Amino acid sequence: MSESGRAASRTAVLVCQGRAAADGRIAAGRFADPVAVRLLRAAERAPVDEVRAGTVPEGWQARVTYESVRACAEVVAPRTVAIDGALRARPTGQLVILGAGLDTRAWRLPELARTDVWEVDHPASQQDKRARLAVAEELPAAARSVQFTPVDLAVDDLGAVLDAAGHDPSALTTWLWEGVVPYLTRDEVRATVAALAARSAPGSTLVVNYQAPSARASVGRLLARLLGSSVTSGEPWRSLWRPRRMAALLAEFGLRVVSDDDLLALAHTLGSPAQRRSSLRSGRVAVAEYHRG
């Protein structure tokens, strides 16, 4: 995670492609992300267009890309609905997105009009996102402000960086940690939880997406690597958490879990095609509130 010269995250691109492919197609009326496609480059949009049209491409490598985007769309739709709902239910004046990638919330959620957003990500990924935003025409932020905050969560002091970026630890904060935890070691996850808890006023909220152990999901990622997926081969999972272990870790730092749902259950509530994918049960979205001990 911290090696010099690390490239921008390919997982972030795949997730953005999944959101663009799902927009208006999956969980219509509950999920929408018209901004995602505007952050994609022409070559990255091609498989999105194929998935949206249901046009299966010829050729083995093109088919692998198509299936990766299609599967990602089915995963991110319920995950995004759950996270967006949690953000709307607990509005605060500060939102810190850890490992922001190509997240679009600061540009598509009108509920953030009175919220200052800090997008925290690895410098390489953040530079890539800012370059994409620069070429996206007429894309005003929906949030009150957006601060790009480069951090390598594996080595940098998150608190010091946020302090320099103007984050106020005495004010309520919503922390969003989506699609990052599996790529960190257990020690890195623990250090990040400690850092955000230290900057949380009582009543602040953490929304965290993580992966529980699953033989089916592990086999799926192994097969994807064998089929030549550059995303999974270059960015392996480093830690998986059972709900009880995650709740215990959060409680150690004053964060009490108020909900923890698996993506399969969320997909069922949306009538999503993903409700047939039992492997989604290992993906989870938890919401926790901070109470100083």
C-alpha atoms as a PDB file:
ATOM      1  CA  MET A   1       0.000   0.000   0.000  1.00  0.00           C
ATOM      2  CA  SER A   2       2.861   2.385   0.670  1.00  0.00           C
ATOM      3  CA  GLU A   3       5.425   1.572  -1.940  1.00  0.00           C
ATOM      4  CA  SER A   4       6.943   4.513  -3.757  1.00  0.00           C
ATOM      5  CA  GLY A   5       5.448   5.281  -7.114  1.00  0.00           C
ATOM      6  CA  ARG A   6       2.272   3.270  -6.581  1.00  0.00           C
ATOM      7  CA  ALA A   7      -0.186   3.672  -9.442  1.00  0.00           C
ATOM      8  CA  ALA A   8      -3.716   4.977  -9.044  1.00  0.00           C
ATOM      9  CA  SER A   9      -6.193   2.364  -7.844  1.00  0.00           C
ATOM     10  CA  ARG A  10      -7.675   0.178 -10.557  1.00  0.00           C
ATOM     11  CA  THR A  11     -10.322  -0.988  -8.095  1.00  0.00           C
ATOM     12  CA  ALA A  12     -11.561   2.608  -7.901  1.00  0.00           C
ATOM     13  CA  VAL A  13     -12.022   2.636 -11.680  1.00  0.00           C
ATOM     14  CA  LEU A  14     -13.928  -0.669 -11.618  1.00  0.00           C
ATOM     15  CA  VAL A  15     -16.244   0.601  -8.875  1.00  0.00           C
ATOM     16  CA  CYS A  16     -16.882   3.771 -10.878  1.00  0.00           C
ATOM     17  CA  GLN A  17     -17.651   1.651 -13.937  1.00  0.00           C
ATOM     18  CA  GLY A  18     -20.039  -0.441 -11.853  1.00  0.00           C
ATOM     19  CA  ARG A  19     -21.904   2.637 -10.658  1.00  0.00           C
ATOM     20  CA  ALA A  20     -22.108   4.008 -14.188  1.00  0.00           C
ATOM     21  CA  ALA A  21     -23.426   0.670 -15.463  1.00  0.00           C
ATOM     22  CA  ALA A  22     -26.025   0.441 -12.679  1.00  0.00           C
ATOM     23  CA  ASP A  23     -27.293   4.021 -13.050  1.00  0.00           C
ATOM     24  CA  GLY A  24     -30.977   3.889 -13.982  1.00  0.00           C
ATOM     25  CA  ARG A  25     -30.884   0.104 -14.483  1.00  0.00           C
ATOM     26  CA  ILE A  26     -30.562  -1.474 -11.038  1.00  0.00           C
ATOM     27  CA  ALA A  27     -32.828  -0.478  -8.148  1.00  0.00           C
ATOM     28  CA  ALA A  28     -34.390   2.294 -10.213  1.00  0.00           C
ATOM     29  CA  GLY A  29     -35.792   4.987  -7.970  1.00  0.00           C
ATOM     30  CA  ARG A  30     -33.441   4.005  -5.139  1.00  0.00           C
ATOM     31  CA  PHE A  31     -30.058   4.100  -6.856  1.00  0.00           C
ATOM     32  CA  ALA A  32     -28.727   6.723  -9.251  1.00  0.00           C
ATOM     33  CA  ASP A  33     -25.233   7.929 -10.118  1.00  0.00           C
ATOM     34  CA  PRO A  34     -25.224  10.021 -13.293  1.00  0.00           C
ATOM     35  CA  VAL A  35     -21.868  11.527 -12.318  1.00  0.00           C
ATOM     36  CA  ALA A  36     -19.855   8.292 -12.427  1.00  0.00           C
ATOM     37  CA  VAL A  37     -19.737   7.993 -16.222  1.00  0.00           C
ATOM     38  CA  ARG A  38     -18.322  11.506 -16.473  1.00  0.00           C
ATOM     39  CA  LEU A  39     -15.243  10.449 -14.514  1.00  0.00           C
ATOM     40  CA  LEU A  40     -14.468   7.606 -16.903  1.00  0.00           C
ATOM     41  CA  ARG A  41     -12.176   7.812 -19.902  1.00  0.00           C
ATOM     42  CA  ALA A  42     -13.353   6.654 -23.322  1.00  0.00           C
ATOM     43  CA  ALA A  43     -11.833   3.168 -23.107  1.00  0.00           C
ATOM     44  CA  GLU A  44     -13.304   2.705 -19.632  1.00  0.00           C
ATOM     45  CA  ARG A  45     -16.775   3.701 -20.834  1.00  0.00           C
ATOM     46  CA  ALA A  46     -16.854   1.068 -23.581  1.00  0.00           C
ATOM     47  CA  PRO A  47     -17.570  -1.942 -21.314  1.00  0.00           C
ATOM     48  CA  VAL A  48     -20.066   0.187 -19.366  1.00  0.00           C
ATOM     49  CA  ASP A  49     -22.002   0.845 -22.562  1.00  0.00           C
ATOM     50  CA  GLU A  50     -21.907  -2.876 -23.401  1.00  0.00           C
ATOM     51  CA  VAL A  51     -23.264  -3.845 -19.981  1.00  0.00           C
ATOM     52  CA  ARG A  52     -26.012  -1.247 -20.150  1.00  0.00           C
ATOM     53  CA  ALA A  53     -27.018  -2.480 -23.620  1.00  0.00           C
ATOM     54  CA  GLY A  54     -26.672  -6.148 -22.669  1.00  0.00           C
ATOM     55  CA  THR A  55     -24.275  -6.632 -25.567  1.00  0.00           C
ATOM     56  CA  VAL A  56     -21.825  -9.393 -24.695  1.00  0.00           C
ATOM     57  CA  PRO A  57     -18.544  -8.737 -26.523  1.00  0.00           C
ATOM     58  CA  GLU A  58     -16.574 -11.302 -28.483  1.00  0.00           C
ATOM     59  CA  GLY A  59     -13.154 -12.328 -27.336  1.00  0.00           C
ATOM     60  CA  TRP A  60     -12.034 -13.807 -24.051  1.00  0.00           C
ATOM     61  CA  GLN A  61     -10.396 -10.709 -22.517  1.00  0.00           C
ATOM     62  CA  ALA A  62     -13.265  -8.404 -23.512  1.00  0.00           C
ATOM     63  CA  ARG A  63     -15.733 -10.888 -21.996  1.00  0.00           C
ATOM     64  CA  VAL A  64     -13.787 -10.943 -18.706  1.00  0.00           C
ATOM     65  CA  THR A  65     -13.920  -7.137 -18.546  1.00  0.00           C
ATOM     66  CA  TYR A  66     -17.629  -7.139 -19.382  1.00  0.00           C
ATOM     67  CA  GLU A  67     -18.432  -9.665 -16.642  1.00  0.00           C
ATOM     68  CA  SER A  68     -16.307  -7.762 -14.104  1.00  0.00           C
ATOM     69  CA  VAL A  69     -18.222  -4.536 -14.750  1.00  0.00           C
ATOM     70  CA  ARG A  70     -21.593  -6.306 -14.755  1.00  0.00           C
ATOM     71  CA  ALA A  71     -20.864  -8.064 -11.458  1.00  0.00           C
ATOM     72  CA  CYS A  72     -19.538  -4.872  -9.905  1.00  0.00           C
ATOM     73  CA  ALA A  73     -22.732  -3.031 -10.849  1.00  0.00           C
ATOM     74  CA  GLU A  74     -24.775  -5.618  -8.970  1.00  0.00           C
ATOM     75  CA  VAL A  75     -22.590  -5.194  -5.880  1.00  0.00           C
ATOM     76  CA  VAL A  76     -22.277  -1.405  -5.732  1.00  0.00           C
ATOM     77  CA  ALA A  77     -25.974  -0.638  -6.189  1.00  0.00           C
ATOM     78  CA  PRO A  78     -27.167  -2.086  -2.850  1.00  0.00           C
ATOM     79  CA  ARG A  79     -23.979  -0.947  -1.125  1.00  0.00           C
ATOM     80  CA  THR A  80     -24.418   2.615  -2.348  1.00  0.00           C
ATOM     81  CA  VAL A  81     -28.116   2.721  -1.413  1.00  0.00           C
ATOM     82  CA  ALA A  82     -27.278   1.586   2.126  1.00  0.00           C
ATOM     83  CA  ILE A  83     -24.449   4.085   2.552  1.00  0.00           C
ATOM     84  CA  ASP A  84     -26.346   7.012   1.034  1.00  0.00           C
ATOM     85  CA  GLY A  85     -29.279   6.235   3.311  1.00  0.00           C
ATOM     86  CA  ALA A  86     -27.014   6.287   6.363  1.00  0.00           C
ATOM     87  CA  LEU A  87     -25.541   9.640   5.316  1.00  0.00           C
ATOM     88  CA  ARG A  88     -28.994  11.154   4.817  1.00  0.00           C
ATOM     89  CA  ALA A  89     -30.231   9.842   8.155  1.00  0.00           C
ATOM     90  CA  ARG A  90     -27.289  11.335  10.077  1.00  0.00           C
ATOM     91  CA  PRO A  91     -26.449  14.698   8.496  1.00  0.00           C
ATOM     92  CA  THR A  92     -23.430  16.516   9.911  1.00  0.00           C
ATOM     93  CA  GLY A  93     -21.438  19.527   8.851  1.00  0.00           C
ATOM     94  CA  GLN A  94     -18.329  17.428   8.222  1.00  0.00           C
ATOM     95  CA  LEU A  95     -17.936  14.319   6.065  1.00  0.00           C
ATOM     96  CA  VAL A  96     -14.576  12.575   5.780  1.00  0.00           C
ATOM     97  CA  ILE A  97     -14.376   9.946   3.037  1.00  0.00           C
ATOM     98  CA  LEU A  98     -11.486   7.569   3.710  1.00  0.00           C
ATOM     99  CA  GLY A  99     -10.071   6.017   0.531  1.00  0.00           C
ATOM    100  CA  ALA A 100     -12.370   8.164  -1.600  1.00  0.00           C
ATOM    101  CA  GLY A 101     -11.267   6.767  -4.962  1.00  0.00           C
ATOM    102  CA  LEU A 102     -13.670   7.995  -7.630  1.00  0.00           C
ATOM    103  CA  ASP A 103     -16.492   8.581  -5.133  1.00  0.00           C
ATOM    104  CA  THR A 104     -19.147  10.953  -6.531  1.00  0.00           C
ATOM    105  CA  ARG A 105     -21.183  11.847  -3.448  1.00  0.00           C
ATOM    106  CA  ALA A 106     -19.769  15.364  -3.101  1.00  0.00           C
ATOM    107  CA  TRP A 107     -21.047  16.048  -6.646  1.00  0.00           C
ATOM    108  CA  ARG A 108     -24.391  14.229  -6.637  1.00  0.00           C
ATOM    109  CA  LEU A 109     -25.970  14.379  -3.156  1.00  0.00           C
ATOM    110  CA  PRO A 110     -27.920  17.617  -2.590  1.00  0.00           C
ATOM    111  CA  GLU A 111     -28.151  16.676   1.093  1.00  0.00           C
ATOM    112  CA  LEU A 112     -24.471  17.681   1.390  1.00  0.00           C
ATOM    113  CA  ALA A 113     -25.171  21.334   0.556  1.00  0.00           C
ATOM    114  CA  ARG A 114     -24.342  22.315   4.151  1.00  0.00           C
ATOM    115  CA  THR A 115     -21.519  19.823   4.565  1.00  0.00           C
ATOM    116  CA  ASP A 116     -17.771  20.250   4.175  1.00  0.00           C
ATOM    117  CA  VAL A 117     -16.243  17.136   2.608  1.00  0.00           C
ATOM    118  CA  TRP A 118     -12.681  15.884   2.994  1.00  0.00           C
ATOM    119  CA  GLU A 119     -11.707  13.281   0.392  1.00  0.00           C
ATOM    120  CA  VAL A 120      -8.835  11.247   1.833  1.00  0.00           C
ATOM    121  CA  ASP A 121      -6.918   8.974  -0.508  1.00  0.00           C
ATOM    122  CA  HIS A 122      -3.494   7.808  -1.595  1.00  0.00           C
ATOM    123  CA  PRO A 123      -1.689  10.625  -3.475  1.00  0.00           C
ATOM    124  CA  ALA A 124      -1.542   8.661  -6.742  1.00  0.00           C
ATOM    125  CA  SER A 125      -5.269   7.903  -6.748  1.00  0.00           C
ATOM    126  CA  GLN A 126      -6.138  11.442  -5.748  1.00  0.00           C
ATOM    127  CA  GLN A 127      -4.017  12.927  -8.514  1.00  0.00           C
ATOM    128  CA  ASP A 128      -5.795  10.674 -11.001  1.00  0.00           C
ATOM    129  CA  LYS A 129      -9.225  11.760  -9.745  1.00  0.00           C
ATOM    130  CA  ARG A 130      -8.382  15.440  -9.902  1.00  0.00           C
ATOM    131  CA  ALA A 131      -7.196  15.003 -13.489  1.00  0.00           C
ATOM    132  CA  ARG A 132     -10.516  13.359 -14.363  1.00  0.00           C
ATOM    133  CA  LEU A 133     -12.502  16.125 -12.686  1.00  0.00           C
ATOM    134  CA  ALA A 134     -10.505  18.726 -14.615  1.00  0.00           C
ATOM    135  CA  VAL A 135     -11.751  17.398 -17.952  1.00  0.00           C
ATOM    136  CA  ALA A 136     -15.359  16.820 -16.785  1.00  0.00           C
ATOM    137  CA  GLU A 137     -17.209  19.891 -18.038  1.00  0.00           C
ATOM    138  CA  GLU A 138     -19.684  21.767 -15.833  1.00  0.00           C
ATOM    139  CA  LEU A 139     -19.493  19.471 -12.819  1.00  0.00           C
ATOM    140  CA  PRO A 140     -20.147  21.702  -9.799  1.00  0.00           C
ATOM    141  CA  ALA A 141     -19.883  20.265  -6.311  1.00  0.00           C
ATOM    142  CA  ALA A 142     -23.139  19.614  -4.437  1.00  0.00           C
ATOM    143  CA  ALA A 143     -21.291  19.805  -1.127  1.00  0.00           C
ATOM    144  CA  ARG A 144     -20.516  23.120   0.556  1.00  0.00           C
ATOM    145  CA  SER A 145     -16.810  22.467   0.026  1.00  0.00           C
ATOM    146  CA  VAL A 146     -14.483  19.657  -1.030  1.00  0.00           C
ATOM    147  CA  GLN A 147     -10.970  19.331   0.353  1.00  0.00           C
ATOM    148  CA  PHE A 148      -8.661  16.857  -1.398  1.00  0.00           C
ATOM    149  CA  THR A 149      -6.462  15.370   1.305  1.00  0.00           C
ATOM    150  CA  PRO A 150      -3.664  13.035   0.155  1.00  0.00           C
ATOM    151  CA  VAL A 151      -2.868  10.350   2.747  1.00  0.00           C
ATOM    152  CA  ASP A 152      -1.334   6.883   2.634  1.00  0.00           C
ATOM    153  CA  LEU A 153      -3.282   5.150   5.405  1.00  0.00           C
ATOM    154  CA  ALA A 154      -0.512   2.561   5.715  1.00  0.00           C
ATOM    155  CA  VAL A 155       2.148   5.035   6.828  1.00  0.00           C
ATOM    156  CA  ASP A 156       0.830   8.593   7.275  1.00  0.00           C
ATOM    157  CA  ASP A 157      -0.586  10.236  10.398  1.00  0.00           C
ATOM    158  CA  LEU A 158      -4.247  10.687   9.482  1.00  0.00           C
ATOM    159  CA  GLY A 159      -4.941  13.033  12.370  1.00  0.00           C
ATOM    160  CA  ALA A 160      -2.062  15.377  11.546  1.00  0.00           C
ATOM    161  CA  VAL A 161      -3.031  15.537   7.879  1.00  0.00           C
ATOM    162  CA  LEU A 162      -6.686  16.277   8.656  1.00  0.00           C
ATOM    163  CA  ASP A 163      -5.646  18.893  11.188  1.00  0.00           C
ATOM    164  CA  ALA A 164      -3.623  20.657   8.512  1.00  0.00           C
ATOM    165  CA  ALA A 165      -6.569  20.391   6.103  1.00  0.00           C
ATOM    166  CA  GLY A 166      -8.923  22.231   8.477  1.00  0.00           C
ATOM    167  CA  HIS A 167     -11.005  19.375   9.890  1.00  0.00           C
ATOM    168  CA  ASP A 168     -12.525  20.343  13.268  1.00  0.00           C
ATOM    169  CA  PRO A 169     -12.416  17.440  15.760  1.00  0.00           C
ATOM    170  CA  SER A 170     -14.729  19.294  18.162  1.00  0.00           C
ATOM    171  CA  ALA A 171     -17.601  19.297  15.637  1.00  0.00           C
ATOM    172  CA  LEU A 172     -19.744  16.318  14.618  1.00  0.00           C
ATOM    173  CA  THR A 173     -18.200  14.284  11.826  1.00  0.00           C
ATOM    174  CA  THR A 174     -19.510  11.516   9.609  1.00  0.00           C
ATOM    175  CA  TRP A 175     -16.747   9.143   8.558  1.00  0.00           C
ATOM    176  CA  LEU A 176     -17.269   7.054   5.422  1.00  0.00           C
ATOM    177  CA  TRP A 177     -14.953   4.100   4.898  1.00  0.00           C
ATOM    178  CA  GLU A 178     -16.087   2.233   1.785  1.00  0.00           C
ATOM    179  CA  GLY A 179     -14.193  -0.360  -0.219  1.00  0.00           C
ATOM    180  CA  VAL A 180     -10.924   0.070   1.700  1.00  0.00           C
ATOM    181  CA  VAL A 181     -10.814  -2.180   4.766  1.00  0.00           C
ATOM    182  CA  PRO A 182     -10.070  -5.469   2.919  1.00  0.00           C
ATOM    183  CA  TYR A 183      -6.979  -3.922   1.311  1.00  0.00           C
ATOM    184  CA  LEU A 184      -5.440  -2.964   4.680  1.00  0.00           C
ATOM    185  CA  THR A 185      -3.772  -5.212   7.236  1.00  0.00           C
ATOM    186  CA  ARG A 186      -5.425  -5.674  10.610  1.00  0.00           C
ATOM    187  CA  ASP A 187      -2.874  -3.353  12.195  1.00  0.00           C
ATOM    188  CA  GLU A 188      -3.594  -0.670   9.574  1.00  0.00           C
ATOM    189  CA  VAL A 189      -7.351  -1.004  10.154  1.00  0.00           C
ATOM    190  CA  ARG A 190      -6.865  -0.708  13.893  1.00  0.00           C
ATOM    191  CA  ALA A 191      -4.619   2.348  13.533  1.00  0.00           C
ATOM    192  CA  THR A 192      -7.142   4.067  11.276  1.00  0.00           C
ATOM    193  CA  VAL A 193     -10.034   3.411  13.675  1.00  0.00           C
ATOM    194  CA  ALA A 194      -7.934   4.821  16.523  1.00  0.00           C
ATOM    195  CA  ALA A 195      -7.085   7.934  14.478  1.00  0.00           C
ATOM    196  CA  LEU A 196     -10.672   8.706  13.467  1.00  0.00           C
ATOM    197  CA  ALA A 197     -12.017   8.039  16.964  1.00  0.00           C
ATOM    198  CA  ALA A 198      -9.486  10.508  18.355  1.00  0.00           C
ATOM    199  CA  ARG A 199     -10.957  13.170  16.042  1.00  0.00           C
ATOM    200  CA  SER A 200     -14.612  12.368  16.687  1.00  0.00           C
ATOM    201  CA  ALA A 201     -16.902  14.496  18.819  1.00  0.00           C
ATOM    202  CA  PRO A 202     -19.534  12.498  20.778  1.00  0.00           C
ATOM    203  CA  GLY A 203     -22.420  11.703  18.435  1.00  0.00           C
ATOM    204  CA  SER A 204     -20.211  11.390  15.354  1.00  0.00           C
ATOM    205  CA  THR A 205     -20.901   8.490  12.991  1.00  0.00           C
ATOM    206  CA  LEU A 206     -18.785   5.922  11.172  1.00  0.00           C
ATOM    207  CA  VAL A 207     -20.196   4.156   8.115  1.00  0.00           C
ATOM    208  CA  VAL A 208     -17.855   1.293   7.227  1.00  0.00           C
ATOM    209  CA  ASN A 209     -17.982  -1.264   4.438  1.00  0.00           C
ATOM    210  CA  TYR A 210     -15.933  -4.407   5.047  1.00  0.00           C
ATOM    211  CA  GLN A 211     -15.659  -8.052   4.006  1.00  0.00           C
ATOM    212  CA  ALA A 212     -16.369 -11.060   6.194  1.00  0.00           C
ATOM    213  CA  PRO A 213     -14.578 -14.364   5.531  1.00  0.00           C
ATOM    214  CA  SER A 214     -16.232 -16.358   2.745  1.00  0.00           C
ATOM    215  CA  ALA A 215     -14.953 -19.383   0.880  1.00  0.00           C
ATOM    216  CA  ARG A 216     -17.183 -18.552  -2.093  1.00  0.00           C
ATOM    217  CA  ALA A 217     -15.908 -14.980  -2.352  1.00  0.00           C
ATOM    218  CA  SER A 218     -12.291 -16.097  -1.971  1.00  0.00           C
ATOM    219  CA  VAL A 219     -12.678 -18.666  -4.734  1.00  0.00           C
ATOM    220  CA  GLY A 220     -14.269 -16.036  -6.959  1.00  0.00           C
ATOM    221  CA  ARG A 221     -11.341 -13.664  -6.499  1.00  0.00           C
ATOM    222  CA  LEU A 222      -8.868 -16.483  -7.150  1.00  0.00           C
ATOM    223  CA  LEU A 223     -10.622 -17.375 -10.386  1.00  0.00           C
ATOM    224  CA  ALA A 224     -10.646 -13.726 -11.427  1.00  0.00           C
ATOM    225  CA  ARG A 225      -6.885 -13.549 -10.927  1.00  0.00           C
ATOM    226  CA  LEU A 226      -6.373 -16.733 -12.921  1.00  0.00           C
ATOM    227  CA  LEU A 227      -8.493 -15.251 -15.715  1.00  0.00           C
ATOM    228  CA  GLY A 228      -6.189 -12.260 -15.867  1.00  0.00           C
ATOM    229  CA  SER A 229      -7.993  -9.562 -13.891  1.00  0.00           C
ATOM    230  CA  SER A 230      -5.419  -6.823 -13.269  1.00  0.00           C
ATOM    231  CA  VAL A 231      -7.655  -5.328 -10.575  1.00  0.00           C
ATOM    232  CA  THR A 232      -7.686  -8.244  -8.173  1.00  0.00           C
ATOM    233  CA  SER A 233      -4.164  -9.459  -8.912  1.00  0.00           C
ATOM    234  CA  GLY A 234      -2.602  -6.050  -8.245  1.00  0.00           C
ATOM    235  CA  GLU A 235      -4.681  -5.126  -5.189  1.00  0.00           C
ATOM    236  CA  PRO A 236      -5.130  -8.225  -2.989  1.00  0.00           C
ATOM    237  CA  TRP A 237      -7.277  -8.441   0.113  1.00  0.00           C
ATOM    238  CA  ARG A 238      -5.244  -8.256   3.343  1.00  0.00           C
ATOM    239  CA  SER A 239      -7.850  -8.529   6.108  1.00  0.00           C
ATOM    240  CA  LEU A 240     -11.329  -9.991   6.533  1.00  0.00           C
ATOM    241  CA  TRP A 241     -13.535  -9.371   9.570  1.00  0.00           C
ATOM    242  CA  ARG A 242     -16.420 -11.226  11.117  1.00  0.00           C
ATOM    243  CA  PRO A 243     -19.158  -8.865  12.404  1.00  0.00           C
ATOM    244  CA  ARG A 244     -18.396  -9.720  16.019  1.00  0.00           C
ATOM    245  CA  ARG A 245     -14.695  -8.932  15.577  1.00  0.00           C
ATOM    246  CA  MET A 246     -15.424  -5.670  13.788  1.00  0.00           C
ATOM    247  CA  ALA A 247     -17.892  -4.615  16.504  1.00  0.00           C
ATOM    248  CA  ALA A 248     -15.319  -5.439  19.197  1.00  0.00           C
ATOM    249  CA  LEU A 249     -12.642  -3.385  17.455  1.00  0.00           C
ATOM    250  CA  LEU A 250     -14.936  -0.380  17.078  1.00  0.00           C
ATOM    251  CA  ALA A 251     -16.167  -0.666  20.683  1.00  0.00           C
ATOM    252  CA  GLU A 252     -12.577  -0.579  21.912  1.00  0.00           C
ATOM    253  CA  PHE A 253     -12.357   2.979  20.581  1.00  0.00           C
ATOM    254  CA  GLY A 254     -15.795   4.175  21.699  1.00  0.00           C
ATOM    255  CA  LEU A 255     -17.775   3.309  18.554  1.00  0.00           C
ATOM    256  CA  ARG A 256     -21.027   1.419  19.171  1.00  0.00           C
ATOM    257  CA  VAL A 257     -22.474  -0.473  16.196  1.00  0.00           C
ATOM    258  CA  VAL A 258     -26.141   0.384  15.627  1.00  0.00           C
ATOM    259  CA  SER A 259     -26.601  -1.626  12.418  1.00  0.00           C
ATOM    260  CA  ASP A 260     -24.598  -4.132  10.385  1.00  0.00           C
ATOM    261  CA  ASP A 261     -26.176  -5.583   7.238  1.00  0.00           C
ATOM    262  CA  ASP A 262     -24.868  -7.897   4.551  1.00  0.00           C
ATOM    263  CA  LEU A 263     -25.135  -6.886   0.896  1.00  0.00           C
ATOM    264  CA  LEU A 264     -27.258  -9.891  -0.030  1.00  0.00           C
ATOM    265  CA  ALA A 265     -29.986  -8.814   2.404  1.00  0.00           C
ATOM    266  CA  LEU A 266     -29.734  -5.274   1.051  1.00  0.00           C
ATOM    267  CA  ALA A 267     -30.035  -6.559  -2.528  1.00  0.00           C
ATOM    268  CA  HIS A 268     -33.221  -8.437  -1.593  1.00  0.00           C
ATOM    269  CA  THR A 269     -34.831  -5.228  -0.322  1.00  0.00           C
ATOM    270  CA  LEU A 270     -34.115  -3.582  -3.688  1.00  0.00           C
ATOM    271  CA  GLY A 271     -35.215  -6.445  -5.911  1.00  0.00           C
ATOM    272  CA  SER A 272     -31.737  -6.282  -7.450  1.00  0.00           C
ATOM    273  CA  PRO A 273     -30.385  -9.017  -9.751  1.00  0.00           C
ATOM    274  CA  ALA A 274     -27.672  -9.407  -7.112  1.00  0.00           C
ATOM    275  CA  GLN A 275     -30.205 -11.069  -4.786  1.00  0.00           C
ATOM    276  CA  ARG A 276     -29.279 -14.313  -6.562  1.00  0.00           C
ATOM    277  CA  ARG A 277     -25.568 -13.910  -5.739  1.00  0.00           C
ATOM    278  CA  SER A 278     -25.048 -15.634  -2.382  1.00  0.00           C
ATOM    279  CA  SER A 279     -21.406 -14.522  -2.367  1.00  0.00           C
ATOM    280  CA  LEU A 280     -22.657 -11.018  -1.541  1.00  0.00           C
ATOM    281  CA  ARG A 281     -23.403 -12.176   1.982  1.00  0.00           C
ATOM    282  CA  SER A 282     -19.734 -11.584   2.873  1.00  0.00           C
ATOM    283  CA  GLY A 283     -19.891  -7.882   1.976  1.00  0.00           C
ATOM    284  CA  ARG A 284     -21.220  -5.752   4.832  1.00  0.00           C
ATOM    285  CA  VAL A 285     -22.132  -2.150   5.683  1.00  0.00           C
ATOM    286  CA  ALA A 286     -22.017  -1.213   9.373  1.00  0.00           C
ATOM    287  CA  VAL A 287     -23.030   2.058  11.030  1.00  0.00           C
ATOM    288  CA  ALA A 288     -21.505   2.976  14.376  1.00  0.00           C
ATOM    289  CA  GLU A 289     -21.904   5.982  16.685  1.00  0.00           C
ATOM    290  CA  TYR A 290     -19.082   7.448  18.726  1.00  0.00           C
ATOM    291  CA  HIS A 291     -19.549   7.763  22.485  1.00  0.00           C
ATOM    292  CA  ARG A 292     -16.574   8.915  24.488  1.00  0.00           C
ATOM    293  CA  GLY A 293     -15.847   6.442  27.280  1.00  0.00           C
END
